PDB file of N, CA and C in Angstrom:
ATOM      1  N   MET A   1       0.823  -1.177   0.000  1.00  0.00           N
ATOM      2  CA  MET A   1       0.000   0.000   0.000  1.00  0.00           C
ATOM      3  C   MET A   1       0.878   1.254   0.000  1.00  0.00           C
ATOM      4  N   TYR A   2       1.821   1.325   0.933  1.00  0.00           N
ATOM      5  CA  TYR A   2       2.755   2.447   1.010  1.00  0.00           C
ATOM      6  C   TYR A   2       4.173   1.913   0.883  1.00  0.00           C
ATOM      7  N   PRO A   3       5.065   2.666   0.248  1.00  0.00           N
ATOM      8  CA  PRO A   3       6.463   2.246   0.276  1.00  0.00           C
ATOM      9  C   PRO A   3       6.987   2.359   1.704  1.00  0.00           C
ATOM     10  N   GLU A   4       7.785   1.424   2.116  1.00  0.00           N
ATOM     11  CA  GLU A   4       8.336   1.378   3.474  1.00  0.00           C
ATOM     12  C   GLU A   4       7.210   1.443   4.507  1.00  0.00           C
ATOM     13  N   SER A   5       6.202   0.602   4.362  1.00  0.00           N
ATOM     14  CA  SER A   5       5.022   0.674   5.225  1.00  0.00           C
ATOM     15  C   SER A   5       5.316   0.344   6.683  1.00  0.00           C
ATOM     16  N   GLU A   6       6.396  -0.353   6.964  1.00  0.00           N
ATOM     17  CA  GLU A   6       6.747  -0.696   8.340  1.00  0.00           C
ATOM     18  C   GLU A   6       7.488   0.432   9.052  1.00  0.00           C
ATOM     19  N   THR A   7       7.892   1.463   8.321  1.00  0.00           N
ATOM     20  CA  THR A   7       8.634   2.581   8.899  1.00  0.00           C
ATOM     21  C   THR A   7       7.665   3.658   9.359  1.00  0.00           C
ATOM     22  N   PHE A   8       7.907   4.205  10.556  1.00  0.00           N
ATOM     23  CA  PHE A   8       7.070   5.289  11.073  1.00  0.00           C
ATOM     24  C   PHE A   8       7.447   6.579  10.359  1.00  0.00           C
ATOM     25  N   ARG A   9       6.581   7.007   9.455  1.00  0.00           N
ATOM     26  CA  ARG A   9       6.803   8.252   8.706  1.00  0.00           C
ATOM     27  C   ARG A   9       5.465   8.981   8.540  1.00  0.00           C
ATOM     28  N   PRO A  10       5.000   9.718   9.553  1.00  0.00           N
ATOM     29  CA  PRO A  10       3.714  10.401   9.416  1.00  0.00           C
ATOM     30  C   PRO A  10       3.721  11.480   8.347  1.00  0.00           C
ATOM     31  N   GLU A  11       4.888  11.969   7.973  1.00  0.00           N
ATOM     32  CA  GLU A  11       4.947  13.008   6.937  1.00  0.00           C
ATOM     33  C   GLU A  11       4.544  12.471   5.568  1.00  0.00           C
ATOM     34  N   ARG A  12       4.452  11.148   5.421  1.00  0.00           N
ATOM     35  CA  ARG A  12       4.050  10.575   4.130  1.00  0.00           C
ATOM     36  C   ARG A  12       2.648  11.016   3.738  1.00  0.00           C
ATOM     37  N   PHE A  13       1.815  11.392   4.724  1.00  0.00           N
ATOM     38  CA  PHE A  13       0.456  11.826   4.419  1.00  0.00           C
ATOM     39  C   PHE A  13       0.414  13.273   3.939  1.00  0.00           C
ATOM     40  N   ASP A  14       1.525  13.994   4.043  1.00  0.00           N
ATOM     41  CA  ASP A  14       1.598  15.373   3.561  1.00  0.00           C
ATOM     42  C   ASP A  14       2.207  15.459   2.169  1.00  0.00           C
ATOM     43  N   GLU A  15       2.820  14.385   1.704  1.00  0.00           N
ATOM     44  CA  GLU A  15       3.517  14.406   0.426  1.00  0.00           C
ATOM     45  C   GLU A  15       2.528  14.256  -0.733  1.00  0.00           C
ATOM     46  N   VAL A  16       2.742  15.031  -1.769  1.00  0.00           N
ATOM     47  CA  VAL A  16       1.916  14.946  -2.974  1.00  0.00           C
ATOM     48  C   VAL A  16       2.632  14.042  -3.965  1.00  0.00           C
ATOM     49  N   GLY A  17       1.882  13.126  -4.576  1.00  0.00           N
ATOM     50  CA  GLY A  17       2.465  12.188  -5.521  1.00  0.00           C
ATOM     51  C   GLY A  17       2.865  12.854  -6.823  1.00  0.00           C
ATOM     52  N   PRO A  18       3.538  12.123  -7.729  1.00  0.00           N
ATOM     53  CA  PRO A  18       3.977  12.689  -9.004  1.00  0.00           C
ATOM     54  C   PRO A  18       2.817  13.133  -9.893  1.00  0.00           C
ATOM     55  N   ASP A  19       1.642  12.548  -9.685  1.00  0.00           N
ATOM     56  CA  ASP A  19       0.483  12.943 -10.485  1.00  0.00           C
ATOM     57  C   ASP A  19      -0.313  14.074  -9.833  1.00  0.00           C
ATOM     58  N   GLY A  20       0.200  14.631  -8.734  1.00  0.00           N
ATOM     59  CA  GLY A  20      -0.471  15.735  -8.052  1.00  0.00           C
ATOM     60  C   GLY A  20      -1.524  15.287  -7.060  1.00  0.00           C
ATOM     61  N   GLN A  21      -1.680  13.985  -6.880  1.00  0.00           N
ATOM     62  CA  GLN A  21      -2.679  13.453  -5.961  1.00  0.00           C
ATOM     63  C   GLN A  21      -2.102  13.345  -4.553  1.00  0.00           C
ATOM     64  N   LEU A  22      -2.955  13.573  -3.564  1.00  0.00           N
ATOM     65  CA  LEU A  22      -2.552  13.334  -2.189  1.00  0.00           C
ATOM     66  C   LEU A  22      -2.498  11.831  -1.963  1.00  0.00           C
ATOM     67  N   PRO A  23      -1.755  11.378  -0.962  1.00  0.00           N
ATOM     68  CA  PRO A  23      -1.648   9.940  -0.714  1.00  0.00           C
ATOM     69  C   PRO A  23      -2.977   9.353  -0.249  1.00  0.00           C
ATOM     70  N   LEU A  24      -2.987   8.056  -0.094  1.00  0.00           N
ATOM     71  CA  LEU A  24      -4.198   7.357   0.326  1.00  0.00           C
ATOM     72  C   LEU A  24      -4.647   7.834   1.707  1.00  0.00           C
ATOM     73  N   ASP A  25      -5.941   7.941   1.895  1.00  0.00           N
ATOM     74  CA  ASP A  25      -6.518   8.375   3.163  1.00  0.00           C
ATOM     75  C   ASP A  25      -6.622   7.175   4.100  1.00  0.00           C
ATOM     76  N   PRO A  26      -5.904   7.180   5.241  1.00  0.00           N
ATOM     77  CA  PRO A  26      -5.959   6.013   6.128  1.00  0.00           C
ATOM     78  C   PRO A  26      -7.346   5.782   6.714  1.00  0.00           C
ATOM     79  N   HIS A  27      -8.190   6.816   6.773  1.00  0.00           N
ATOM     80  CA  HIS A  27      -9.553   6.650   7.295  1.00  0.00           C
ATOM     81  C   HIS A  27     -10.358   5.682   6.428  1.00  0.00           C
ATOM     82  N   LYS A  28     -10.132   5.718   5.143  1.00  0.00           N
ATOM     83  CA  LYS A  28     -10.879   4.842   4.242  1.00  0.00           C
ATOM     84  C   LYS A  28     -10.508   3.377   4.440  1.00  0.00           C
ATOM     85  N   PHE A  29      -9.278   3.102   4.822  1.00  0.00           N
ATOM     86  CA  PHE A  29      -8.819   1.726   4.946  1.00  0.00           C
ATOM     87  C   PHE A  29      -9.114   1.129   6.317  1.00  0.00           C
ATOM     88  N   SER A  30      -9.403   1.954   7.310  1.00  0.00           N
ATOM     89  CA  SER A  30      -9.682   1.410   8.635  1.00  0.00           C
ATOM     90  C   SER A  30     -11.017   0.674   8.675  1.00  0.00           C
ATOM     91  N   PHE A  31     -11.916   0.957   7.734  1.00  0.00           N
ATOM     92  CA  PHE A  31     -13.209   0.282   7.674  1.00  0.00           C
ATOM     93  C   PHE A  31     -13.284  -0.729   6.536  1.00  0.00           C
ATOM     94  N   GLY A  32     -12.194  -1.010   5.873  1.00  0.00           N
ATOM     95  CA  GLY A  32     -12.185  -1.974   4.788  1.00  0.00           C
ATOM     96  C   GLY A  32     -12.561  -1.337   3.459  1.00  0.00           C
ATOM     97  N   MET A  33     -12.546  -2.177   2.405  1.00  0.00           N
ATOM     98  CA  MET A  33     -12.835  -1.668   1.064  1.00  0.00           C
ATOM     99  C   MET A  33     -13.668  -2.683   0.297  1.00  0.00           C
ATOM    100  N   GLY A  34     -14.296  -2.204  -0.753  1.00  0.00           N
ATOM    101  CA  GLY A  34     -14.998  -3.085  -1.679  1.00  0.00           C
ATOM    102  C   GLY A  34     -16.160  -3.815  -1.051  1.00  0.00           C
ATOM    103  N   ARG A  35     -16.286  -5.094  -1.373  1.00  0.00           N
ATOM    104  CA  ARG A  35     -17.408  -5.895  -0.890  1.00  0.00           C
ATOM    105  C   ARG A  35     -17.343  -6.131   0.610  1.00  0.00           C
ATOM    106  N   ARG A  36     -16.170  -5.983   1.186  1.00  0.00           N
ATOM    107  CA  ARG A  36     -16.020  -6.270   2.609  1.00  0.00           C
ATOM    108  C   ARG A  36     -15.962  -5.001   3.462  1.00  0.00           C
ATOM    109  N   ILE A  37     -16.483  -3.902   2.936  1.00  0.00           N
ATOM    110  CA  ILE A  37     -16.469  -2.654   3.695  1.00  0.00           C
ATOM    111  C   ILE A  37     -17.402  -2.781   4.903  1.00  0.00           C
ATOM    112  N   CYS A  38     -17.042  -2.167   5.981  1.00  0.00           N
ATOM    113  CA  CYS A  38     -17.825  -2.226   7.210  1.00  0.00           C
ATOM    114  C   CYS A  38     -19.166  -1.518   7.011  1.00  0.00           C
ATOM    115  N   PRO A  39     -20.279  -2.192   7.248  1.00  0.00           N
ATOM    116  CA  PRO A  39     -21.578  -1.534   7.060  1.00  0.00           C
ATOM    117  C   PRO A  39     -21.856  -0.464   8.110  1.00  0.00           C
ATOM    118  N   GLY A  40     -21.101  -0.451   9.189  1.00  0.00           N
ATOM    119  CA  GLY A  40     -21.325   0.532  10.244  1.00  0.00           C
ATOM    120  C   GLY A  40     -20.445   1.760  10.152  1.00  0.00           C
ATOM    121  N   GLN A  41     -19.725   1.938   9.045  1.00  0.00           N
ATOM    122  CA  GLN A  41     -18.803   3.066   8.921  1.00  0.00           C
ATOM    123  C   GLN A  41     -19.523   4.405   9.061  1.00  0.00           C
ATOM    124  N   ASP A  42     -20.609   4.594   8.340  1.00  0.00           N
ATOM    125  CA  ASP A  42     -21.338   5.859   8.418  1.00  0.00           C
ATOM    126  C   ASP A  42     -21.915   6.070   9.808  1.00  0.00           C
ATOM    127  N   PHE A  43     -22.432   5.000  10.407  1.00  0.00           N
ATOM    128  CA  PHE A  43     -22.978   5.100  11.757  1.00  0.00           C
ATOM    129  C   PHE A  43     -21.887   5.475  12.757  1.00  0.00           C
ATOM    130  N   ALA A  44     -20.715   4.844  12.647  1.00  0.00           N
ATOM    131  CA  ALA A  44     -19.602   5.150  13.549  1.00  0.00           C
ATOM    132  C   ALA A  44     -19.167   6.603  13.404  1.00  0.00           C
ATOM    133  N   ASP A  45     -19.086   7.091  12.176  1.00  0.00           N
ATOM    134  CA  ASP A  45     -18.717   8.492  11.953  1.00  0.00           C
ATOM    135  C   ASP A  45     -19.746   9.437  12.555  1.00  0.00           C
ATOM    136  N   MET A  46     -21.034   9.130  12.386  1.00  0.00           N
ATOM    137  CA  MET A  46     -22.089  10.000  12.926  1.00  0.00           C
ATOM    138  C   MET A  46     -22.088  10.000  14.451  1.00  0.00           C
ATOM    139  N   VAL A  47     -21.895   8.829  15.061  1.00  0.00           N
ATOM    140  CA  VAL A  47     -21.883   8.744  16.521  1.00  0.00           C
ATOM    141  C   VAL A  47     -20.690   9.504  17.083  1.00  0.00           C
ATOM    142  N   LEU A  48     -19.530   9.332  16.483  1.00  0.00           N
ATOM    143  CA  LEU A  48     -18.346  10.052  16.939  1.00  0.00           C
ATOM    144  C   LEU A  48     -18.549  11.558  16.811  1.00  0.00           C
ATOM    145  N   PHE A  49     -19.058  12.006  15.678  1.00  0.00           N
ATOM    146  CA  PHE A  49     -19.306  13.430  15.461  1.00  0.00           C
ATOM    147  C   PHE A  49     -20.308  13.973  16.474  1.00  0.00           C
ATOM    148  N   SER A  50     -21.420  13.261  16.682  1.00  0.00           N
ATOM    149  CA  SER A  50     -22.441  13.766  17.604  1.00  0.00           C
ATOM    150  C   SER A  50     -21.939  13.794  19.044  1.00  0.00           C
ATOM    151  N   ASN A  51     -21.112  12.828  19.444  1.00  0.00           N
ATOM    152  CA  ASN A  51     -20.554  12.844  20.796  1.00  0.00           C
ATOM    153  C   ASN A  51     -19.599  14.011  20.996  1.00  0.00           C
ATOM    154  N   ILE A  52     -18.772  14.291  20.006  1.00  0.00           N
ATOM    155  CA  ILE A  52     -17.849  15.425  20.113  1.00  0.00           C
ATOM    156  C   ILE A  52     -18.625  16.733  20.164  1.00  0.00           C
ATOM    157  N   VAL A  53     -19.633  16.881  19.311  1.00  0.00           N
ATOM    158  CA  VAL A  53     -20.443  18.103  19.297  1.00  0.00           C
ATOM    159  C   VAL A  53     -21.179  18.268  20.622  1.00  0.00           C
ATOM    160  N   LEU A  54     -21.770  17.195  21.145  1.00  0.00           N
ATOM    161  CA  LEU A  54     -22.478  17.269  22.419  1.00  0.00           C
ATOM    162  C   LEU A  54     -21.531  17.663  23.550  1.00  0.00           C
ATOM    163  N   PHE A  55     -20.340  17.086  23.572  1.00  0.00           N
ATOM    164  CA  PHE A  55     -19.355  17.426  24.601  1.00  0.00           C
ATOM    165  C   PHE A  55     -18.981  18.903  24.527  1.00  0.00           C
ATOM    166  N   LEU A  56     -18.694  19.394  23.323  1.00  0.00           N
ATOM    167  CA  LEU A  56     -18.294  20.793  23.171  1.00  0.00           C
ATOM    168  C   LEU A  56     -19.446  21.758  23.446  1.00  0.00           C
ATOM    169  N   ALA A  57     -20.673  21.355  23.156  1.00  0.00           N
ATOM    170  CA  ALA A  57     -21.823  22.237  23.365  1.00  0.00           C
ATOM    171  C   ALA A  57     -22.245  22.317  24.827  1.00  0.00           C
ATOM    172  N   THR A  58     -21.962  21.294  25.616  1.00  0.00           N
ATOM    173  CA  THR A  58     -22.467  21.255  26.985  1.00  0.00           C
ATOM    174  C   THR A  58     -21.408  21.456  28.057  1.00  0.00           C
ATOM    175  N   THR A  59     -20.153  21.590  27.670  1.00  0.00           N
ATOM    176  CA  THR A  59     -19.089  21.771  28.659  1.00  0.00           C
ATOM    177  C   THR A  59     -18.204  22.954  28.301  1.00  0.00           C
ATOM    178  N   THR A  60     -17.483  23.409  29.297  1.00  0.00           N
ATOM    179  CA  THR A  60     -16.465  24.432  29.104  1.00  0.00           C
ATOM    180  C   THR A  60     -15.136  23.810  29.507  1.00  0.00           C
ATOM    181  N   VAL A  61     -14.183  23.794  28.605  1.00  0.00           N
ATOM    182  CA  VAL A  61     -12.862  23.248  28.880  1.00  0.00           C
ATOM    183  C   VAL A  61     -11.917  24.425  29.067  1.00  0.00           C
ATOM    184  N   SER A  62     -11.236  24.463  30.210  1.00  0.00           N
ATOM    185  CA  SER A  62     -10.333  25.582  30.487  1.00  0.00           C
ATOM    186  C   SER A  62      -9.067  25.073  31.165  1.00  0.00           C
ATOM    187  N   LYS A  63      -8.116  25.979  31.330  1.00  0.00           N
ATOM    188  CA  LYS A  63      -6.849  25.618  31.960  1.00  0.00           C
ATOM    189  C   LYS A  63      -7.084  25.273  33.425  1.00  0.00           C
ATOM    190  N   SER A  64      -6.254  24.372  33.958  1.00  0.00           N
ATOM    191  CA  SER A  64      -6.372  24.034  35.372  1.00  0.00           C
ATOM    192  C   SER A  64      -5.762  25.151  36.211  1.00  0.00           C
ATOM    193  N   LEU A  65      -6.065  25.121  37.498  1.00  0.00           N
ATOM    194  CA  LEU A  65      -5.592  26.158  38.414  1.00  0.00           C
ATOM    195  C   LEU A  65      -4.583  25.571  39.382  1.00  0.00           C
ATOM    196  N   ASP A  66      -3.607  26.397  39.773  1.00  0.00           N
ATOM    197  CA  ASP A  66      -2.662  25.957  40.793  1.00  0.00           C
ATOM    198  C   ASP A  66      -3.269  26.207  42.173  1.00  0.00           C
ATOM    199  N   ALA A  67      -2.485  25.985  43.238  1.00  0.00           N
ATOM    200  CA  ALA A  67      -2.985  26.127  44.605  1.00  0.00           C
ATOM    201  C   ALA A  67      -3.413  27.556  44.920  1.00  0.00           C
ATOM    202  N   GLU A  68      -2.832  28.522  44.235  1.00  0.00           N
ATOM    203  CA  GLU A  68      -3.158  29.930  44.492  1.00  0.00           C
ATOM    204  C   GLU A  68      -4.285  30.443  43.598  1.00  0.00           C
ATOM    205  N   GLY A  69      -4.817  29.604  42.728  1.00  0.00           N
ATOM    206  CA  GLY A  69      -5.917  30.002  41.861  1.00  0.00           C
ATOM    207  C   GLY A  69      -5.490  30.602  40.535  1.00  0.00           C
ATOM    208  N   ASN A  70      -4.202  30.536  40.200  1.00  0.00           N
ATOM    209  CA  ASN A  70      -3.710  31.049  38.919  1.00  0.00           C
ATOM    210  C   ASN A  70      -3.791  29.958  37.857  1.00  0.00           C
ATOM    211  N   GLU A  71      -4.076  30.360  36.620  1.00  0.00           N
ATOM    212  CA  GLU A  71      -4.142  29.395  35.526  1.00  0.00           C
ATOM    213  C   GLU A  71      -2.761  28.839  35.210  1.00  0.00           C
ATOM    214  N   ILE A  72      -2.703  27.552  34.923  1.00  0.00           N
ATOM    215  CA  ILE A  72      -1.458  26.891  34.539  1.00  0.00           C
ATOM    216  C   ILE A  72      -1.460  26.759  33.023  1.00  0.00           C
ATOM    217  N   THR A  73      -0.496  27.399  32.362  1.00  0.00           N
ATOM    218  CA  THR A  73      -0.402  27.331  30.907  1.00  0.00           C
ATOM    219  C   THR A  73       0.431  26.117  30.508  1.00  0.00           C
ATOM    220  N   PRO A  74      -0.114  25.223  29.688  1.00  0.00           N
ATOM    221  CA  PRO A  74       0.656  24.047  29.257  1.00  0.00           C
ATOM    222  C   PRO A  74       1.887  24.454  28.449  1.00  0.00           C
ATOM    223  N   THR A  75       2.935  23.675  28.571  1.00  0.00           N
ATOM    224  CA  THR A  75       4.153  23.923  27.800  1.00  0.00           C
ATOM    225  C   THR A  75       4.144  23.052  26.552  1.00  0.00           C
ATOM    226  N   THR A  76       4.990  23.407  25.600  1.00  0.00           N
ATOM    227  CA  THR A  76       5.087  22.620  24.368  1.00  0.00           C
ATOM    228  C   THR A  76       6.471  22.003  24.256  1.00  0.00           C
ATOM    229  N   ILE A  77       6.530  20.909  23.520  1.00  0.00           N
ATOM    230  CA  ILE A  77       7.778  20.180  23.309  1.00  0.00           C
ATOM    231  C   ILE A  77       8.017  20.091  21.807  1.00  0.00           C
ATOM    232  N   PRO A  78       9.183  20.549  21.312  1.00  0.00           N
ATOM    233  CA  PRO A  78       9.445  20.390  19.875  1.00  0.00           C
ATOM    234  C   PRO A  78       9.690  18.915  19.548  1.00  0.00           C
ATOM    235  N   ASN A  79       9.303  18.506  18.346  1.00  0.00           N
ATOM    236  CA  ASN A  79       9.567  17.131  17.936  1.00  0.00           C
ATOM    237  C   ASN A  79      10.363  17.120  16.638  1.00  0.00           C
ATOM    238  N   SER A  80      10.614  15.948  16.121  1.00  0.00           N
ATOM    239  CA  SER A  80      11.466  15.813  14.942  1.00  0.00           C
ATOM    240  C   SER A  80      10.800  16.306  13.662  1.00  0.00           C
ATOM    241  N   LEU A  81       9.495  16.550  13.673  1.00  0.00           N
ATOM    242  CA  LEU A  81       8.791  16.995  12.474  1.00  0.00           C
ATOM    243  C   LEU A  81       8.675  18.514  12.408  1.00  0.00           C
ATOM    244  N   LYS A  82       9.462  19.209  13.201  1.00  0.00           N
ATOM    245  CA  LYS A  82       9.454  20.674  13.259  1.00  0.00           C
ATOM    246  C   LYS A  82       8.096  21.200  13.699  1.00  0.00           C
ATOM    247  N   GLN A  83       7.432  20.441  14.536  1.00  0.00           N
ATOM    248  CA  GLN A  83       6.169  20.859  15.123  1.00  0.00           C
ATOM    249  C   GLN A  83       6.369  20.961  16.625  1.00  0.00           C
ATOM    250  N   ARG A  84       5.455  21.616  17.284  1.00  0.00           N
ATOM    251  CA  ARG A  84       5.494  21.692  18.734  1.00  0.00           C
ATOM    252  C   ARG A  84       4.251  20.998  19.270  1.00  0.00           C
ATOM    253  N   ASN A  85       4.457  20.008  20.111  1.00  0.00           N
ATOM    254  CA  ASN A  85       3.356  19.262  20.704  1.00  0.00           C
ATOM    255  C   ASN A  85       3.211  19.652  22.164  1.00  0.00           C
ATOM    256  N   PRO A  86       1.990  19.686  22.686  1.00  0.00           N
ATOM    257  CA  PRO A  86       1.840  19.990  24.108  1.00  0.00           C
ATOM    258  C   PRO A  86       2.333  18.830  24.954  1.00  0.00           C
ATOM    259  N   SER A  87       2.988  19.167  26.064  1.00  0.00           N
ATOM    260  CA  SER A  87       3.358  18.125  27.011  1.00  0.00           C
ATOM    261  C   SER A  87       2.084  17.731  27.761  1.00  0.00           C
ATOM    262  N   PRO A  88       2.065  16.598  28.427  1.00  0.00           N
ATOM    263  CA  PRO A  88       0.854  16.202  29.152  1.00  0.00           C
ATOM    264  C   PRO A  88       0.435  17.293  30.143  1.00  0.00           C
ATOM    265  N   PHE A  89      -0.851  17.585  30.189  1.00  0.00           N
ATOM    266  CA  PHE A  89      -1.343  18.649  31.064  1.00  0.00           C
ATOM    267  C   PHE A  89      -2.729  18.306  31.588  1.00  0.00           C
ATOM    268  N   LYS A  90      -3.104  18.975  32.661  1.00  0.00           N
ATOM    269  CA  LYS A  90      -4.435  18.813  33.233  1.00  0.00           C
ATOM    270  C   LYS A  90      -5.293  19.982  32.784  1.00  0.00           C
ATOM    271  N   CYS A  91      -6.586  19.760  32.726  1.00  0.00           N
ATOM    272  CA  CYS A  91      -7.518  20.829  32.374  1.00  0.00           C
ATOM    273  C   CYS A  91      -8.779  20.681  33.220  1.00  0.00           C
ATOM    274  N   ARG A  92      -9.603  21.711  33.194  1.00  0.00           N
ATOM    275  CA  ARG A  92     -10.879  21.683  33.903  1.00  0.00           C
ATOM    276  C   ARG A  92     -11.990  21.503  32.878  1.00  0.00           C
ATOM    277  N   VAL A  93     -12.893  20.610  33.156  1.00  0.00           N
ATOM    278  CA  VAL A  93     -14.068  20.413  32.312  1.00  0.00           C
ATOM    279  C   VAL A  93     -15.280  20.661  33.200  1.00  0.00           C
ATOM    280  N   GLU A  94     -16.042  21.692  32.873  1.00  0.00           N
ATOM    281  CA  GLU A  94     -17.205  22.059  33.681  1.00  0.00           C
ATOM    282  C   GLU A  94     -18.460  22.017  32.816  1.00  0.00           C
ATOM    283  N   VAL A  95     -19.540  21.525  33.403  1.00  0.00           N
ATOM    284  CA  VAL A  95     -20.821  21.497  32.696  1.00  0.00           C
ATOM    285  C   VAL A  95     -21.363  22.918  32.653  1.00  0.00           C
ATOM    286  N   ARG A  96     -21.805  23.343  31.489  1.00  0.00           N
ATOM    287  CA  ARG A  96     -22.394  24.676  31.355  1.00  0.00           C
ATOM    288  C   ARG A  96     -23.743  24.699  32.075  1.00  0.00           C
ATOM    289  N   PRO A  97     -24.076  25.844  32.694  1.00  0.00           N
ATOM    290  CA  PRO A  97     -25.348  25.917  33.444  1.00  0.00           C
ATOM    291  C   PRO A  97     -26.568  25.581  32.588  1.00  0.00           C
ATOM    292  N   ALA A  98     -26.582  26.003  31.349  1.00  0.00           N
ATOM    293  CA  ALA A  98     -27.739  25.731  30.488  1.00  0.00           C
ATOM    294  C   ALA A  98     -27.878  24.245  30.176  1.00  0.00           C
ATOM    295  N   ALA A  99     -26.808  23.479  30.357  1.00  0.00           N
ATOM    296  CA  ALA A  99     -26.842  22.050  30.045  1.00  0.00           C
ATOM    297  C   ALA A  99     -26.856  21.194  31.300  1.00  0.00           C
ATOM    298  N   ALA A 100     -26.951  21.801  32.471  1.00  0.00           N
ATOM    299  CA  ALA A 100     -26.894  21.044  33.718  1.00  0.00           C
ATOM    300  C   ALA A 100     -28.041  20.050  33.841  1.00  0.00           C
ATOM    301  N   PHE A 101     -29.178  20.340  33.220  1.00  0.00           N
ATOM    302  CA  PHE A 101     -30.325  19.433  33.315  1.00  0.00           C
ATOM    303  C   PHE A 101     -30.074  18.102  32.616  1.00  0.00           C
ATOM    304  N   LEU A 102     -29.028  18.007  31.801  1.00  0.00           N
ATOM    305  CA  LEU A 102     -28.735  16.761  31.091  1.00  0.00           C
ATOM    306  C   LEU A 102     -28.028  15.731  31.962  1.00  0.00           C
ATOM    307  N   THR A 103     -27.446  16.161  33.071  1.00  0.00           N
ATOM    308  CA  THR A 103     -26.715  15.227  33.923  1.00  0.00           C
ATOM    309  C   THR A 103     -27.675  14.502  34.855  1.00  0.00           C
ATOM    310  N   ASP A 104     -27.332  13.298  35.270  1.00  0.00           N
ATOM    311  CA  ASP A 104     -28.189  12.494  36.146  1.00  0.00           C
ATOM    312  C   ASP A 104     -28.394  13.154  37.502  1.00  0.00           C
ATOM    313  N   ASP A 105     -27.388  13.872  38.005  1.00  0.00           N
ATOM    314  CA  ASP A 105     -27.468  14.470  39.332  1.00  0.00           C
ATOM    315  C   ASP A 105     -28.512  15.571  39.413  1.00  0.00           C
ATOM    316  N   ASN A 106     -28.807  16.221  38.321  1.00  0.00           N
ATOM    317  CA  ASN A 106     -29.677  17.389  38.341  1.00  0.00           C
ATOM    318  C   ASN A 106     -31.066  17.129  37.770  1.00  0.00           C
ATOM    319  N   GLN A 107     -31.403  15.891  37.490  1.00  0.00           N
ATOM    320  CA  GLN A 107     -32.730  15.602  36.944  1.00  0.00           C
ATOM    321  C   GLN A 107     -33.776  15.716  38.048  1.00  0.00           C
ATOM    322  N   THR A 108     -34.936  16.204  37.683  1.00  0.00           N
ATOM    323  CA  THR A 108     -36.019  16.298  38.661  1.00  0.00           C
ATOM    324  C   THR A 108     -36.592  14.912  38.918  1.00  0.00           C
ATOM    325  N   LYS A 109     -37.073  14.715  40.110  1.00  0.00           N
ATOM    326  CA  LYS A 109     -37.601  13.390  40.481  1.00  0.00           C
ATOM    327  C   LYS A 109     -39.096  13.384  40.439  1.00  0.00           C
TER     328      LYS A 109
END
């Protein structure tokens, strides 16, 4: 499928082929191809999308606080691909007041 497929080279997905085409999309191959394609691919994509949208619509994600109440800014680490990745960090996830009725703790009895 890919030349040197056993080698870790994520930059291969950024390279344009000699015909001007982008390389193969790994998302298409994770669900199979042809007659043996996964029948749940569209359902899986929709469920993943709706869960991400629901999470973002009902919560507020913010920086964590230190003992004195100041925000902790995550640091970044350069990698071999000339990118900067965040180092592991903690964050706060809070339910928005308008969405509090969706949680089990706040349902009326």
